[in-house]
Protein backbone atom coordinates (compact mmCIF):
# COMPACT_ATOMS: atom_id res chain seq x y z
CA MET A 1 11.15 72.33 76.63
CA SER A 2 10.50 73.62 80.15
CA ALA A 3 8.97 76.81 78.76
CA THR A 4 6.17 74.73 77.26
CA LEU A 5 5.55 72.86 80.52
CA VAL A 6 6.19 75.53 83.14
CA ARG A 7 4.14 78.74 83.41
CA GLY A 8 6.43 80.32 86.00
CA ALA A 9 8.21 79.94 89.31
CA VAL A 10 7.01 81.65 92.46
CA PHE A 11 9.34 81.75 95.42
CA VAL A 12 7.96 82.37 98.91
CA VAL A 13 10.14 85.06 100.50
CA PRO A 14 8.58 86.09 103.84
CA ASP A 15 11.19 88.72 104.70
CA ALA A 16 10.05 92.05 103.22
CA ASP A 17 13.60 93.38 102.72
CA GLU A 18 14.73 90.21 100.98
CA ARG A 19 11.58 90.21 98.82
CA ALA A 20 12.24 93.86 97.87
CA ALA A 21 15.78 92.88 96.87
CA TRP A 22 14.36 90.10 94.69
CA GLN A 23 11.96 92.57 93.09
CA ALA A 24 14.78 95.06 92.49
CA ARG A 25 16.79 92.38 90.68
CA LEU A 26 13.75 91.41 88.61
CA ASP A 27 13.07 95.06 87.76
CA ALA A 28 16.73 95.64 86.84
CA ALA A 29 16.46 92.71 84.42
CA GLY A 30 13.59 94.50 82.69
CA GLY A 31 11.15 91.73 83.50
CA ARG A 32 13.37 89.14 81.80
CA SER A 33 14.00 85.91 83.62
CA PRO A 34 17.18 83.85 83.43
CA TRP A 35 14.84 80.92 82.81
CA PRO A 36 12.51 80.55 79.82
CA TYR A 37 9.55 81.41 82.06
CA PRO A 38 8.70 84.22 84.49
CA ILE A 39 9.75 84.23 88.12
CA ALA A 40 8.29 86.10 91.07
CA ALA A 41 8.62 86.38 94.83
CA ALA A 42 5.57 86.28 97.10
CA ALA A 43 5.21 87.13 100.78
CA ASP A 44 3.50 83.89 101.73
CA ARG A 45 2.12 80.65 100.36
CA ALA A 46 -1.36 82.06 99.76
CA ALA A 47 0.02 84.92 97.65
CA ALA A 48 2.25 82.49 95.76
CA GLU A 49 -0.69 80.22 95.04
CA ARG A 50 -2.82 83.14 93.79
CA LEU A 51 -0.07 84.21 91.38
CA ALA A 52 0.51 80.64 90.22
CA ARG A 53 -3.22 80.18 89.58
CA ASP A 54 -3.31 83.43 87.59
CA TRP A 55 -0.46 82.14 85.43
CA LEU A 56 -2.15 78.77 84.98
CA ASP A 57 -5.47 80.40 84.07
CA ALA A 58 -3.88 82.71 81.47
CA PRO A 59 -4.29 81.68 77.85
CA GLY A 60 -1.34 80.10 76.07
């Protein structure tokens, strides 16, 4: 059900090393998320909001 209601989850991870570790884990998973929707890490709130708006504006 959440996959039909949630476009994705964006976590704000200000620390560049920690964010790189997040990205490495996401890349190692081949872009698959443990949840039925995509996840991402952003450097700050503004970047997170831009990504979230892109997901919300995407068709489907």
